[in-house]
Amino acid sequence: MTRTHFDTKTTRTVTRADLSEAVYGRVGLSRTDSAEMVEVVLGEISDAVVRGELVKLSSFGSFMVRMKGERVGRNPKTGIEVPITPRKVMVFKPSNILKSRINNGAAVDIVD
């Protein structure tokens, strides 16, 4: 399986502060209220995922928890097989609109 690697030297990381600043600039709330709004939204998403709920954001994607079964891994240095215990992982599945935007680089109008 081939994975795409993004060079972290050229790829910008968007932080909570960046999201708050975007809300401040576009919605017109104070910087404090914008930061609080971002925290509330991220907190609601986190809480729902922890409860095992599917979080579906139209035109963006879905966050969900998936159970990974037990499997056998291999220590790359020694080659010794090691059991990997079952665990929960969070998965993000982008919407078709977001996939299209990523692959075509084109803005897509979102219709409510």
C-alpha atoms as a PDB file:
ATOM      1  CA  MET A   1       0.000   0.000   0.000  1.00  0.00           C
ATOM      2  CA  THR A   2       1.394   3.399  -0.972  1.00  0.00           C
ATOM      3  CA  ARG A   3       0.805   6.342   1.333  1.00  0.00           C
ATOM      4  CA  THR A   4       1.206   9.969   0.426  1.00  0.00           C
ATOM      5  CA  HIS A   5       3.580  11.856   2.673  1.00  0.00           C
ATOM      6  CA  PHE A   6       3.184  15.584   3.070  1.00  0.00           C
ATOM      7  CA  ASP A   7       6.372  17.510   3.720  1.00  0.00           C
ATOM      8  CA  THR A   8       5.814  19.191   7.100  1.00  0.00           C
ATOM      9  CA  LYS A   9       8.218  21.961   6.094  1.00  0.00           C
ATOM     10  CA  THR A  10       5.820  23.129   3.392  1.00  0.00           C
ATOM     11  CA  THR A  11       2.486  21.987   4.860  1.00  0.00           C
ATOM     12  CA  ARG A  12       0.949  24.456   7.288  1.00  0.00           C
ATOM     13  CA  THR A  13      -0.663  23.222  10.501  1.00  0.00           C
ATOM     14  CA  VAL A  14      -3.973  24.853  11.427  1.00  0.00           C
ATOM     15  CA  THR A  15      -4.302  25.325  15.188  1.00  0.00           C
ATOM     16  CA  ARG A  16      -7.180  26.144  17.519  1.00  0.00           C
ATOM     17  CA  ALA A  17      -5.920  29.727  17.540  1.00  0.00           C
ATOM     18  CA  ASP A  18      -6.134  29.804  13.720  1.00  0.00           C
ATOM     19  CA  LEU A  19      -9.706  28.489  13.838  1.00  0.00           C
ATOM     20  CA  SER A  20     -10.626  31.093  16.469  1.00  0.00           C
ATOM     21  CA  GLU A  21      -9.086  33.844  14.351  1.00  0.00           C
ATOM     22  CA  ALA A  22     -11.074  32.660  11.317  1.00  0.00           C
ATOM     23  CA  VAL A  23     -14.310  32.783  13.323  1.00  0.00           C
ATOM     24  CA  TYR A  24     -13.353  36.230  14.602  1.00  0.00           C
ATOM     25  CA  GLY A  25     -12.651  37.490  11.086  1.00  0.00           C
ATOM     26  CA  ARG A  26     -15.721  36.012   9.399  1.00  0.00           C
ATOM     27  CA  VAL A  27     -18.449  36.053  12.037  1.00  0.00           C
ATOM     28  CA  GLY A  28     -17.560  39.250  13.814  1.00  0.00           C
ATOM     29  CA  LEU A  29     -17.596  37.931  17.380  1.00  0.00           C
ATOM     30  CA  SER A  30     -14.960  39.148  19.813  1.00  0.00           C
ATOM     31  CA  ARG A  31     -11.717  37.201  19.897  1.00  0.00           C
ATOM     32  CA  THR A  32     -12.679  35.783  23.290  1.00  0.00           C
ATOM     33  CA  ASP A  33     -16.129  34.702  22.113  1.00  0.00           C
ATOM     34  CA  SER A  34     -14.632  33.229  18.921  1.00  0.00           C
ATOM     35  CA  ALA A  35     -12.122  31.171  20.910  1.00  0.00           C
ATOM     36  CA  GLU A  36     -14.896  29.997  23.242  1.00  0.00           C
ATOM     37  CA  MET A  37     -17.090  28.990  20.283  1.00  0.00           C
ATOM     38  CA  VAL A  38     -14.276  26.913  18.758  1.00  0.00           C
ATOM     39  CA  GLU A  39     -13.669  25.213  22.136  1.00  0.00           C
ATOM     40  CA  VAL A  40     -17.377  24.414  22.547  1.00  0.00           C
ATOM     41  CA  VAL A  41     -17.660  22.926  19.047  1.00  0.00           C
ATOM     42  CA  LEU A  42     -14.503  20.824  19.410  1.00  0.00           C
ATOM     43  CA  GLY A  43     -15.617  19.734  22.879  1.00  0.00           C
ATOM     44  CA  GLU A  44     -19.023  18.610  21.574  1.00  0.00           C
ATOM     45  CA  ILE A  45     -17.394  16.645  18.753  1.00  0.00           C
ATOM     46  CA  SER A  46     -14.934  15.021  21.187  1.00  0.00           C
ATOM     47  CA  ASP A  47     -17.626  14.145  23.728  1.00  0.00           C
ATOM     48  CA  ALA A  48     -19.865  12.567  21.073  1.00  0.00           C
ATOM     49  CA  VAL A  49     -17.022  10.452  19.665  1.00  0.00           C
ATOM     50  CA  VAL A  50     -16.031   9.306  23.165  1.00  0.00           C
ATOM     51  CA  ARG A  51     -19.645   8.222  23.745  1.00  0.00           C
ATOM     52  CA  GLY A  52     -19.367   6.105  20.586  1.00  0.00           C
ATOM     53  CA  GLU A  53     -21.642   8.298  18.488  1.00  0.00           C
ATOM     54  CA  LEU A  54     -21.141   8.994  14.802  1.00  0.00           C
ATOM     55  CA  VAL A  55     -20.395  12.686  14.209  1.00  0.00           C
ATOM     56  CA  LYS A  56     -21.468  13.598  10.685  1.00  0.00           C
ATOM     57  CA  LEU A  57     -20.763  17.105   9.408  1.00  0.00           C
ATOM     58  CA  SER A  58     -22.551  17.661   6.115  1.00  0.00           C
ATOM     59  CA  SER A  59     -20.205  18.545   3.225  1.00  0.00           C
ATOM     60  CA  PHE A  60     -17.184  17.854   5.449  1.00  0.00           C
ATOM     61  CA  GLY A  61     -17.113  14.276   6.711  1.00  0.00           C
ATOM     62  CA  SER A  62     -17.736  11.883   9.582  1.00  0.00           C
ATOM     63  CA  PHE A  63     -15.834  11.045  12.751  1.00  0.00           C
ATOM     64  CA  MET A  64     -16.383   7.641  14.341  1.00  0.00           C
ATOM     65  CA  VAL A  65     -14.753   5.126  16.668  1.00  0.00           C
ATOM     66  CA  ARG A  66     -13.910   1.741  15.204  1.00  0.00           C
ATOM     67  CA  MET A  67     -12.739  -1.375  17.011  1.00  0.00           C
ATOM     68  CA  LYS A  68      -9.540  -2.964  15.724  1.00  0.00           C
ATOM     69  CA  GLY A  69      -9.219  -6.653  16.453  1.00  0.00           C
ATOM     70  CA  GLU A  70      -6.272  -8.478  17.882  1.00  0.00           C
ATOM     71  CA  ARG A  71      -3.535  -9.182  15.386  1.00  0.00           C
ATOM     72  CA  VAL A  72       0.060 -10.288  15.194  1.00  0.00           C
ATOM     73  CA  GLY A  73       2.700  -7.641  14.598  1.00  0.00           C
ATOM     74  CA  ARG A  74       6.410  -7.975  14.061  1.00  0.00           C
ATOM     75  CA  ASN A  75       9.235  -6.122  15.761  1.00  0.00           C
ATOM     76  CA  PRO A  76      11.089  -4.556  12.801  1.00  0.00           C
ATOM     77  CA  LYS A  77      14.500  -4.816  14.505  1.00  0.00           C
ATOM     78  CA  THR A  78      14.322  -8.404  15.694  1.00  0.00           C
ATOM     79  CA  GLY A  79      11.636  -9.907  13.497  1.00  0.00           C
ATOM     80  CA  ILE A  80       9.960 -11.432  16.557  1.00  0.00           C
ATOM     81  CA  GLU A  81       6.182 -11.722  16.325  1.00  0.00           C
ATOM     82  CA  VAL A  82       4.294  -9.753  18.978  1.00  0.00           C
ATOM     83  CA  PRO A  83       0.551  -9.837  19.690  1.00  0.00           C
ATOM     84  CA  ILE A  84      -1.176  -6.476  19.297  1.00  0.00           C
ATOM     85  CA  THR A  85      -4.183  -6.216  21.590  1.00  0.00           C
ATOM     86  CA  PRO A  86      -7.633  -5.101  20.409  1.00  0.00           C
ATOM     87  CA  ARG A  87      -8.217  -1.362  20.687  1.00  0.00           C
ATOM     88  CA  LYS A  88     -10.464   1.472  19.629  1.00  0.00           C
ATOM     89  CA  VAL A  89      -9.308   3.945  16.999  1.00  0.00           C
ATOM     90  CA  MET A  90     -10.904   7.137  15.771  1.00  0.00           C
ATOM     91  CA  VAL A  91     -11.562   7.298  12.053  1.00  0.00           C
ATOM     92  CA  PHE A  92     -12.361  10.287   9.847  1.00  0.00           C
ATOM     93  CA  LYS A  93     -14.142   9.666   6.563  1.00  0.00           C
ATOM     94  CA  PRO A  94     -14.246  12.744   4.325  1.00  0.00           C
ATOM     95  CA  SER A  95     -17.433  13.544   2.430  1.00  0.00           C
ATOM     96  CA  ASN A  96     -17.509  13.248  -1.345  1.00  0.00           C
ATOM     97  CA  ILE A  97     -17.641  17.054  -1.558  1.00  0.00           C
ATOM     98  CA  LEU A  98     -14.453  17.384   0.514  1.00  0.00           C
ATOM     99  CA  LYS A  99     -12.742  14.621  -1.484  1.00  0.00           C
ATOM    100  CA  SER A 100     -13.634  16.443  -4.692  1.00  0.00           C
ATOM    101  CA  ARG A 101     -12.279  19.721  -3.350  1.00  0.00           C
ATOM    102  CA  ILE A 102      -9.040  18.045  -2.275  1.00  0.00           C
ATOM    103  CA  ASN A 103      -8.510  16.254  -5.588  1.00  0.00           C
ATOM    104  CA  ASN A 104      -9.638  19.019  -7.925  1.00  0.00           C
ATOM    105  CA  GLY A 105      -8.533  21.993  -5.885  1.00  0.00           C
ATOM    106  CA  ALA A 106     -11.832  23.618  -6.784  1.00  0.00           C
ATOM    107  CA  ALA A 107     -14.188  25.361  -4.414  1.00  0.00           C
ATOM    108  CA  VAL A 108     -17.585  23.724  -4.218  1.00  0.00           C
ATOM    109  CA  ASP A 109     -20.694  25.674  -3.317  1.00  0.00           C
ATOM    110  CA  ILE A 110     -22.380  24.227  -0.276  1.00  0.00           C
ATOM    111  CA  VAL A 111     -26.153  24.250  -0.512  1.00  0.00           C
ATOM    112  CA  ASP A 112     -28.157  24.085   2.720  1.00  0.00           C
END
